[in-house]
Amino acid sequence: MAHSSPLPRRLTRSRADKFVGGVAGGLGAYFDVDPVLVRVGFAISTLFSGAGLVAYLVLLAVLPQEGEPSTLVPA
């Protein structure tokens, strides 16, 4: 009996739920939380240490946009 497994979830930047680059929307969808909470987390982290901005920029650079192939994993 063939058992089909669901496709693995993929962390991507959101096309639909984006404020700047879609990082918070993509993280919210991946972890099933409200993207506003992710945005607030980035903002608070940026205000206290600057790490939120660095993390956002790194994720913006490395995460593929929703619907695009990943460049990090060979096909």
N, C-alpha and C. Protein backbone atom coordinates (compact mmCIF):
# COMPACT_ATOMS: atom_id res chain seq x y z
N MET A 1 0.85 -1.18 0.00
CA MET A 1 0.00 0.00 0.00
C MET A 1 0.89 1.24 0.00
N ALA A 2 0.67 2.11 -0.95
CA ALA A 2 1.47 3.33 -1.05
C ALA A 2 0.95 4.37 -0.07
N HIS A 3 1.88 4.90 0.68
CA HIS A 3 1.53 5.92 1.65
C HIS A 3 2.19 7.22 1.22
N SER A 4 1.40 8.19 0.86
CA SER A 4 1.97 9.45 0.43
C SER A 4 2.17 10.35 1.64
N SER A 5 3.36 10.91 1.75
CA SER A 5 3.64 11.82 2.85
C SER A 5 3.46 13.25 2.37
N PRO A 6 3.05 14.12 3.26
CA PRO A 6 2.88 15.51 2.86
C PRO A 6 4.24 16.12 2.51
N LEU A 7 4.21 17.10 1.65
CA LEU A 7 5.45 17.78 1.28
C LEU A 7 6.03 18.47 2.51
N PRO A 8 7.34 18.47 2.63
CA PRO A 8 7.94 19.16 3.78
C PRO A 8 7.68 20.66 3.70
N ARG A 9 7.48 21.25 4.86
CA ARG A 9 7.28 22.70 4.89
C ARG A 9 8.60 23.38 4.56
N ARG A 10 8.50 24.50 3.91
CA ARG A 10 9.68 25.23 3.48
C ARG A 10 9.60 26.65 3.99
N LEU A 11 10.67 27.13 4.59
CA LEU A 11 10.72 28.51 5.07
C LEU A 11 11.06 29.42 3.91
N THR A 12 10.13 30.32 3.58
CA THR A 12 10.31 31.26 2.49
C THR A 12 9.82 32.63 2.91
N ARG A 13 10.18 33.63 2.13
CA ARG A 13 9.63 34.98 2.33
C ARG A 13 8.25 35.03 1.69
N SER A 14 7.31 35.64 2.36
CA SER A 14 5.94 35.70 1.87
C SER A 14 5.80 36.75 0.77
N ARG A 15 5.01 36.42 -0.24
CA ARG A 15 4.67 37.40 -1.28
C ARG A 15 3.44 38.20 -0.89
N ALA A 16 2.49 37.54 -0.22
CA ALA A 16 1.21 38.17 0.09
C ALA A 16 1.25 38.99 1.37
N ASP A 17 1.91 38.47 2.40
CA ASP A 17 1.92 39.13 3.71
C ASP A 17 3.28 39.74 3.95
N LYS A 18 3.54 40.85 3.26
CA LYS A 18 4.84 41.48 3.43
C LYS A 18 4.69 42.96 3.71
N PHE A 19 5.54 43.42 4.59
CA PHE A 19 5.56 44.84 4.93
C PHE A 19 6.80 45.46 4.32
N VAL A 20 7.94 44.81 4.46
CA VAL A 20 9.18 45.27 3.84
C VAL A 20 9.65 44.21 2.83
N GLY A 21 10.07 43.05 3.33
CA GLY A 21 10.60 42.04 2.43
C GLY A 21 9.92 40.70 2.50
N GLY A 22 8.92 40.56 3.36
CA GLY A 22 8.20 39.30 3.47
C GLY A 22 8.78 38.31 4.47
N VAL A 23 9.84 38.71 5.19
CA VAL A 23 10.49 37.80 6.13
C VAL A 23 9.54 37.47 7.29
N ALA A 24 8.94 38.48 7.90
CA ALA A 24 8.05 38.24 9.03
C ALA A 24 6.82 37.45 8.60
N GLY A 25 6.29 37.73 7.43
CA GLY A 25 5.15 36.97 6.92
C GLY A 25 5.50 35.52 6.69
N GLY A 26 6.69 35.26 6.16
CA GLY A 26 7.14 33.89 5.94
C GLY A 26 7.38 33.15 7.24
N LEU A 27 8.01 33.82 8.21
CA LEU A 27 8.23 33.18 9.51
C LEU A 27 6.90 32.91 10.22
N GLY A 28 5.97 33.85 10.12
CA GLY A 28 4.66 33.65 10.73
C GLY A 28 3.93 32.46 10.13
N ALA A 29 3.98 32.32 8.83
CA ALA A 29 3.32 31.20 8.17
C ALA A 29 4.01 29.88 8.53
N TYR A 30 5.33 29.88 8.58
CA TYR A 30 6.08 28.65 8.86
C TYR A 30 5.81 28.15 10.28
N PHE A 31 5.81 29.08 11.25
CA PHE A 31 5.62 28.70 12.65
C PHE A 31 4.17 28.82 13.11
N ASP A 32 3.27 29.16 12.19
CA ASP A 32 1.84 29.28 12.47
C ASP A 32 1.55 30.27 13.59
N VAL A 33 2.16 31.45 13.49
CA VAL A 33 1.90 32.55 14.42
C VAL A 33 1.56 33.80 13.60
N ASP A 34 0.99 34.77 14.26
CA ASP A 34 0.63 36.02 13.60
C ASP A 34 1.91 36.76 13.19
N PRO A 35 2.06 37.16 11.93
CA PRO A 35 3.25 37.87 11.50
C PRO A 35 3.48 39.18 12.24
N VAL A 36 2.43 39.76 12.79
CA VAL A 36 2.58 41.00 13.57
C VAL A 36 3.46 40.72 14.80
N LEU A 37 3.28 39.55 15.42
CA LEU A 37 4.12 39.20 16.57
C LEU A 37 5.58 39.06 16.16
N VAL A 38 5.82 38.51 15.00
CA VAL A 38 7.19 38.38 14.50
C VAL A 38 7.78 39.76 14.24
N ARG A 39 7.00 40.65 13.65
CA ARG A 39 7.47 42.02 13.39
C ARG A 39 7.79 42.75 14.69
N VAL A 40 6.92 42.59 15.68
CA VAL A 40 7.17 43.22 16.98
C VAL A 40 8.44 42.66 17.60
N GLY A 41 8.65 41.36 17.48
CA GLY A 41 9.88 40.74 18.00
C GLY A 41 11.12 41.31 17.33
N PHE A 42 11.08 41.46 16.01
CA PHE A 42 12.20 42.07 15.30
C PHE A 42 12.43 43.50 15.77
N ALA A 43 11.35 44.27 15.94
CA ALA A 43 11.47 45.67 16.35
C ALA A 43 12.05 45.79 17.75
N ILE A 44 11.56 44.99 18.68
CA ILE A 44 12.07 45.05 20.05
C ILE A 44 13.54 44.64 20.10
N SER A 45 13.87 43.59 19.38
CA SER A 45 15.26 43.14 19.34
C SER A 45 16.17 44.18 18.70
N THR A 46 15.67 44.88 17.71
CA THR A 46 16.45 45.93 17.07
C THR A 46 16.68 47.09 18.04
N LEU A 47 15.65 47.47 18.78
CA LEU A 47 15.77 48.59 19.71
C LEU A 47 16.75 48.29 20.85
N PHE A 48 16.74 47.07 21.36
CA PHE A 48 17.58 46.75 22.51
C PHE A 48 19.02 46.41 22.15
N SER A 49 19.22 45.71 21.04
CA SER A 49 20.59 45.28 20.74
C SER A 49 21.02 45.46 19.29
N GLY A 50 20.07 45.69 18.42
CA GLY A 50 20.39 45.77 17.00
C GLY A 50 20.41 44.41 16.32
N ALA A 51 20.28 43.34 17.10
CA ALA A 51 20.33 41.99 16.54
C ALA A 51 19.13 41.72 15.63
N GLY A 52 18.00 42.31 15.91
CA GLY A 52 16.81 42.10 15.09
C GLY A 52 17.02 42.57 13.67
N LEU A 53 17.66 43.71 13.52
CA LEU A 53 17.93 44.24 12.18
C LEU A 53 18.92 43.34 11.44
N VAL A 54 19.95 42.91 12.13
CA VAL A 54 20.94 42.02 11.51
C VAL A 54 20.27 40.71 11.09
N ALA A 55 19.46 40.13 11.98
CA ALA A 55 18.78 38.87 11.67
C ALA A 55 17.83 39.05 10.48
N TYR A 56 17.09 40.16 10.46
CA TYR A 56 16.16 40.41 9.37
C TYR A 56 16.91 40.51 8.04
N LEU A 57 18.00 41.25 8.03
CA LEU A 57 18.77 41.42 6.79
C LEU A 57 19.38 40.11 6.31
N VAL A 58 19.86 39.28 7.24
CA VAL A 58 20.41 37.98 6.86
C VAL A 58 19.31 37.10 6.26
N LEU A 59 18.15 37.05 6.94
CA LEU A 59 17.04 36.24 6.42
C LEU A 59 16.54 36.78 5.08
N LEU A 60 16.53 38.08 4.93
CA LEU A 60 16.12 38.68 3.65
C LEU A 60 17.06 38.25 2.53
N ALA A 61 18.33 38.12 2.84
CA ALA A 61 19.32 37.74 1.83
C ALA A 61 19.30 36.25 1.51
N VAL A 62 19.02 35.39 2.50
CA VAL A 62 19.16 33.96 2.26
C VAL A 62 17.86 33.22 1.97
N LEU A 63 16.73 33.74 2.41
CA LEU A 63 15.46 33.04 2.18
C LEU A 63 14.94 33.31 0.77
N PRO A 64 14.55 32.26 0.07
CA PRO A 64 13.94 32.48 -1.25
C PRO A 64 12.53 33.02 -1.07
N GLN A 65 12.08 33.75 -2.06
CA GLN A 65 10.70 34.24 -2.02
C GLN A 65 9.76 33.08 -2.33
N GLU A 66 8.59 33.13 -1.76
CA GLU A 66 7.58 32.09 -1.95
C GLU A 66 7.38 31.81 -3.43
N GLY A 67 7.46 30.54 -3.80
CA GLY A 67 7.26 30.16 -5.20
C GLY A 67 8.53 30.10 -6.01
N GLU A 68 9.66 30.56 -5.47
CA GLU A 68 10.93 30.50 -6.17
C GLU A 68 11.73 29.30 -5.68
N PRO A 69 12.55 28.73 -6.53
CA PRO A 69 13.38 27.60 -6.07
C PRO A 69 14.45 28.08 -5.10
N SER A 70 14.81 27.22 -4.17
CA SER A 70 15.85 27.55 -3.20
C SER A 70 17.21 27.47 -3.87
N THR A 71 18.08 28.42 -3.55
CA THR A 71 19.43 28.39 -4.10
C THR A 71 20.40 27.77 -3.13
N LEU A 72 19.93 27.44 -1.92
CA LEU A 72 20.81 26.89 -0.91
C LEU A 72 20.96 25.39 -1.02
N VAL A 73 19.94 24.70 -1.52
CA VAL A 73 19.96 23.25 -1.61
C VAL A 73 19.99 22.86 -3.08
N PRO A 74 20.98 22.08 -3.50
CA PRO A 74 21.02 21.68 -4.91
C PRO A 74 19.82 20.81 -5.28
N ALA A 75 19.35 20.97 -6.51
CA ALA A 75 18.17 20.24 -6.96
C ALA A 75 18.49 18.84 -7.38
